[in-house]
Amino acid sequence: MKNPADYLENQVFEARRPRKEMQPVVAYAAAVQAIEAALADAEKYKYLLMRALRRHADDLAAPAPAAQPATTDAEATVVPMYTLEQAA
C-alpha cells in the first residue's frame, strides 16, 4: 500500500502561518486528485481482499476427502520381508 504522501503528484509547498512553524500546503485540485487515487486503490484492495476471503471460505466449506480403508483382496498375497532362517 502507498503512503498518503505517495498519492500527491503535484508539488507540496511550505507555508508559514503567523507565529507558527512551517506547514505543508497542497493545492485543492491536487488534494482532490490524491483522494480520488486513494479511493480507487481502496476499491482494488477491497476487491482483492473479498476474493481471498471467498476462496478461503470455499476451502473451509469443501469437505476433506475421507480416508479410504485399505482394500482387502482375497487373492492378494503377503510376501514376508525375511525368511525364517534370516529371522532366527
N, C-alpha and C. Protein backbone atom coordinates (compact mmCIF):
# COMPACT_ATOMS: atom_id res chain seq x y z
N MET A 1 0.83 -1.17 0.00
CA MET A 1 0.00 0.00 0.00
C MET A 1 0.89 1.25 0.00
N LYS A 2 0.33 2.30 -0.53
CA LYS A 2 1.08 3.54 -0.61
C LYS A 2 0.91 4.36 0.67
N ASN A 3 1.89 5.21 0.89
CA ASN A 3 1.76 6.22 1.95
C ASN A 3 0.84 7.32 1.43
N PRO A 4 0.18 8.04 2.32
CA PRO A 4 -0.66 9.14 1.85
C PRO A 4 0.10 10.16 1.00
N ALA A 5 1.36 10.39 1.31
CA ALA A 5 2.15 11.36 0.55
C ALA A 5 2.45 10.86 -0.86
N ASP A 6 2.42 9.54 -1.07
CA ASP A 6 2.71 9.00 -2.40
C ASP A 6 1.62 9.34 -3.41
N TYR A 7 0.42 9.63 -2.94
CA TYR A 7 -0.67 9.96 -3.85
C TYR A 7 -0.57 11.38 -4.39
N LEU A 8 0.19 12.20 -3.73
CA LEU A 8 0.34 13.58 -4.19
C LEU A 8 1.36 13.63 -5.31
N GLU A 9 0.90 13.96 -6.49
CA GLU A 9 1.80 14.03 -7.64
C GLU A 9 2.32 15.44 -7.86
N ASN A 10 1.56 16.41 -7.41
CA ASN A 10 1.96 17.80 -7.61
C ASN A 10 2.84 18.27 -6.46
N GLN A 11 3.37 19.44 -6.63
CA GLN A 11 4.31 19.98 -5.66
C GLN A 11 3.61 20.35 -4.35
N VAL A 12 4.27 20.06 -3.26
CA VAL A 12 3.79 20.44 -1.93
C VAL A 12 4.59 21.66 -1.51
N PHE A 13 3.88 22.70 -1.14
CA PHE A 13 4.53 23.96 -0.75
C PHE A 13 4.65 24.03 0.75
N GLU A 14 5.59 24.81 1.19
CA GLU A 14 5.75 25.09 2.61
C GLU A 14 5.25 26.50 2.87
N ALA A 15 4.42 26.66 3.85
CA ALA A 15 3.89 27.98 4.18
C ALA A 15 4.01 28.19 5.69
N ARG A 16 4.18 29.44 6.06
CA ARG A 16 4.29 29.76 7.48
C ARG A 16 3.05 30.55 7.88
N ARG A 17 2.38 30.02 8.88
CA ARG A 17 1.26 30.76 9.45
C ARG A 17 1.82 31.78 10.42
N PRO A 18 1.11 32.85 10.68
CA PRO A 18 1.63 33.86 11.62
C PRO A 18 1.97 33.23 12.97
N ARG A 19 3.20 33.45 13.38
CA ARG A 19 3.72 32.97 14.67
C ARG A 19 3.68 31.44 14.81
N LYS A 20 3.74 30.74 13.71
CA LYS A 20 3.73 29.27 13.74
C LYS A 20 4.90 28.74 12.93
N GLU A 21 5.06 27.43 12.98
CA GLU A 21 6.12 26.78 12.21
C GLU A 21 5.68 26.61 10.76
N MET A 22 6.63 26.19 9.94
CA MET A 22 6.32 25.91 8.54
C MET A 22 5.40 24.70 8.46
N GLN A 23 4.41 24.76 7.57
CA GLN A 23 3.46 23.66 7.40
C GLN A 23 3.33 23.35 5.91
N PRO A 24 3.17 22.06 5.57
CA PRO A 24 2.98 21.72 4.16
C PRO A 24 1.61 22.18 3.67
N VAL A 25 1.59 22.67 2.45
CA VAL A 25 0.35 23.15 1.85
C VAL A 25 0.24 22.51 0.46
N VAL A 26 -0.96 22.05 0.14
CA VAL A 26 -1.22 21.40 -1.15
C VAL A 26 -2.36 22.15 -1.82
N ALA A 27 -2.28 22.27 -3.12
CA ALA A 27 -3.37 22.91 -3.87
C ALA A 27 -4.62 22.04 -3.77
N TYR A 28 -5.78 22.67 -3.81
CA TYR A 28 -7.06 21.97 -3.67
C TYR A 28 -7.23 20.90 -4.75
N ALA A 29 -6.90 21.24 -5.98
CA ALA A 29 -7.05 20.28 -7.09
C ALA A 29 -6.14 19.07 -6.89
N ALA A 30 -4.93 19.30 -6.39
CA ALA A 30 -4.01 18.19 -6.14
C ALA A 30 -4.54 17.30 -5.01
N ALA A 31 -5.14 17.91 -4.01
CA ALA A 31 -5.69 17.13 -2.90
C ALA A 31 -6.86 16.28 -3.38
N VAL A 32 -7.73 16.84 -4.21
CA VAL A 32 -8.86 16.08 -4.75
C VAL A 32 -8.37 14.93 -5.60
N GLN A 33 -7.37 15.18 -6.43
CA GLN A 33 -6.81 14.12 -7.27
C GLN A 33 -6.19 13.01 -6.42
N ALA A 34 -5.50 13.36 -5.35
CA ALA A 34 -4.89 12.36 -4.47
C ALA A 34 -5.96 11.54 -3.78
N ILE A 35 -7.04 12.17 -3.37
CA ILE A 35 -8.12 11.43 -2.70
C ILE A 35 -8.79 10.47 -3.67
N GLU A 36 -9.02 10.91 -4.91
CA GLU A 36 -9.62 10.02 -5.90
C GLU A 36 -8.72 8.82 -6.19
N ALA A 37 -7.43 9.04 -6.27
CA ALA A 37 -6.49 7.93 -6.50
C ALA A 37 -6.49 6.97 -5.31
N ALA A 38 -6.54 7.50 -4.10
CA ALA A 38 -6.56 6.65 -2.92
C ALA A 38 -7.84 5.84 -2.86
N LEU A 39 -8.97 6.44 -3.22
CA LEU A 39 -10.24 5.70 -3.23
C LEU A 39 -10.24 4.61 -4.29
N ALA A 40 -9.64 4.87 -5.44
CA ALA A 40 -9.54 3.85 -6.48
C ALA A 40 -8.69 2.68 -6.00
N ASP A 41 -7.59 2.97 -5.33
CA ASP A 41 -6.75 1.89 -4.78
C ASP A 41 -7.49 1.13 -3.70
N ALA A 42 -8.27 1.83 -2.89
CA ALA A 42 -9.04 1.16 -1.83
C ALA A 42 -10.05 0.19 -2.43
N GLU A 43 -10.67 0.56 -3.54
CA GLU A 43 -11.60 -0.35 -4.21
C GLU A 43 -10.87 -1.58 -4.72
N LYS A 44 -9.67 -1.38 -5.26
CA LYS A 44 -8.89 -2.52 -5.78
C LYS A 44 -8.51 -3.44 -4.62
N TYR A 45 -8.04 -2.87 -3.51
CA TYR A 45 -7.65 -3.70 -2.37
C TYR A 45 -8.87 -4.39 -1.77
N LYS A 46 -10.02 -3.72 -1.78
CA LYS A 46 -11.25 -4.33 -1.27
C LYS A 46 -11.62 -5.53 -2.13
N TYR A 47 -11.51 -5.39 -3.45
CA TYR A 47 -11.81 -6.49 -4.36
C TYR A 47 -10.88 -7.67 -4.11
N LEU A 48 -9.59 -7.40 -3.97
CA LEU A 48 -8.63 -8.47 -3.73
C LEU A 48 -8.87 -9.16 -2.39
N LEU A 49 -9.20 -8.38 -1.36
CA LEU A 49 -9.46 -8.95 -0.05
C LEU A 49 -10.72 -9.81 -0.08
N MET A 50 -11.78 -9.33 -0.72
CA MET A 50 -13.02 -10.10 -0.78
C MET A 50 -12.82 -11.39 -1.58
N ARG A 51 -12.03 -11.34 -2.64
CA ARG A 51 -11.76 -12.55 -3.41
C ARG A 51 -10.99 -13.57 -2.57
N ALA A 52 -10.01 -13.09 -1.81
CA ALA A 52 -9.25 -14.00 -0.95
C ALA A 52 -10.14 -14.60 0.14
N LEU A 53 -11.03 -13.79 0.69
CA LEU A 53 -11.94 -14.32 1.72
C LEU A 53 -12.90 -15.35 1.15
N ARG A 54 -13.39 -15.11 -0.07
CA ARG A 54 -14.29 -16.10 -0.70
C ARG A 54 -13.56 -17.41 -0.95
N ARG A 55 -12.32 -17.32 -1.43
CA ARG A 55 -11.56 -18.56 -1.68
C ARG A 55 -11.30 -19.30 -0.37
N HIS A 56 -10.98 -18.54 0.67
CA HIS A 56 -10.73 -19.17 1.97
C HIS A 56 -11.99 -19.83 2.49
N ALA A 57 -13.13 -19.17 2.34
CA ALA A 57 -14.41 -19.74 2.79
C ALA A 57 -14.74 -20.99 1.99
N ASP A 58 -14.44 -20.97 0.68
CA ASP A 58 -14.68 -22.16 -0.14
C ASP A 58 -13.79 -23.32 0.31
N ASP A 59 -12.55 -23.01 0.67
CA ASP A 59 -11.64 -24.06 1.15
C ASP A 59 -12.14 -24.66 2.46
N LEU A 60 -12.69 -23.81 3.33
CA LEU A 60 -13.20 -24.31 4.60
C LEU A 60 -14.47 -25.12 4.42
N ALA A 61 -15.31 -24.73 3.45
CA ALA A 61 -16.58 -25.40 3.25
C ALA A 61 -16.42 -26.72 2.51
N ALA A 62 -15.39 -26.87 1.71
CA ALA A 62 -15.18 -28.10 0.96
C ALA A 62 -14.83 -29.22 1.93
N PRO A 63 -15.57 -30.33 1.86
CA PRO A 63 -15.25 -31.44 2.77
C PRO A 63 -13.91 -32.07 2.41
N ALA A 64 -13.20 -32.40 3.42
CA ALA A 64 -11.91 -33.06 3.21
C ALA A 64 -12.17 -34.48 2.72
N PRO A 65 -11.36 -34.96 1.81
CA PRO A 65 -11.59 -36.33 1.33
C PRO A 65 -11.40 -37.32 2.48
N ALA A 66 -12.37 -38.21 2.59
CA ALA A 66 -12.34 -39.20 3.67
C ALA A 66 -11.23 -40.22 3.39
N ALA A 67 -10.60 -40.67 4.45
CA ALA A 67 -9.56 -41.68 4.31
C ALA A 67 -10.22 -42.99 3.89
N GLN A 68 -9.72 -43.57 2.84
CA GLN A 68 -10.31 -44.79 2.33
C GLN A 68 -9.64 -45.98 3.00
N PRO A 69 -10.43 -46.91 3.49
CA PRO A 69 -9.82 -48.08 4.13
C PRO A 69 -9.06 -48.91 3.09
N ALA A 70 -8.05 -49.58 3.57
CA ALA A 70 -7.26 -50.43 2.69
C ALA A 70 -8.14 -51.56 2.19
N THR A 71 -8.09 -51.79 0.91
CA THR A 71 -8.91 -52.85 0.33
C THR A 71 -8.29 -54.19 0.67
N THR A 72 -9.13 -55.09 1.08
CA THR A 72 -8.66 -56.44 1.38
C THR A 72 -9.12 -57.33 0.24
N ASP A 73 -8.18 -57.78 -0.51
CA ASP A 73 -8.48 -58.64 -1.64
C ASP A 73 -8.11 -60.06 -1.25
N ALA A 74 -9.03 -60.98 -1.45
CA ALA A 74 -8.79 -62.37 -1.07
C ALA A 74 -7.64 -62.97 -1.87
N GLU A 75 -7.42 -62.46 -3.06
CA GLU A 75 -6.36 -63.02 -3.89
C GLU A 75 -5.00 -62.36 -3.65
N ALA A 76 -4.96 -61.32 -2.83
CA ALA A 76 -3.69 -60.65 -2.57
C ALA A 76 -2.81 -61.54 -1.71
N THR A 77 -1.55 -61.60 -2.06
CA THR A 77 -0.63 -62.44 -1.30
C THR A 77 0.27 -61.57 -0.45
N VAL A 78 0.62 -62.07 0.70
CA VAL A 78 1.52 -61.38 1.60
C VAL A 78 2.88 -62.03 1.47
N VAL A 79 3.89 -61.25 1.16
CA VAL A 79 5.24 -61.77 0.99
C VAL A 79 6.06 -61.29 2.17
N PRO A 80 6.64 -62.19 2.94
CA PRO A 80 7.45 -61.78 4.08
C PRO A 80 8.74 -61.10 3.60
N MET A 81 9.19 -60.16 4.42
CA MET A 81 10.41 -59.45 4.07
C MET A 81 11.65 -60.29 4.34
N TYR A 82 11.56 -61.18 5.34
CA TYR A 82 12.70 -62.02 5.70
C TYR A 82 12.25 -63.47 5.69
N THR A 83 13.17 -64.34 5.42
CA THR A 83 12.88 -65.77 5.51
C THR A 83 13.00 -66.20 6.95
N LEU A 84 12.54 -67.36 7.26
CA LEU A 84 12.59 -67.86 8.64
C LEU A 84 14.04 -68.02 9.11
N GLU A 85 14.93 -68.37 8.22
CA GLU A 85 16.32 -68.53 8.60
C GLU A 85 16.94 -67.18 8.95
N GLN A 86 16.57 -66.11 8.22
CA GLN A 86 17.12 -64.79 8.50
C GLN A 86 16.55 -64.23 9.79
N ALA A 87 15.34 -64.55 10.12
CA ALA A 87 14.70 -64.00 11.33
C ALA A 87 15.30 -64.64 12.58
N ALA A 88 15.81 -65.84 12.47
CA ALA A 88 16.33 -66.55 13.65
C ALA A 88 17.70 -66.13 14.05
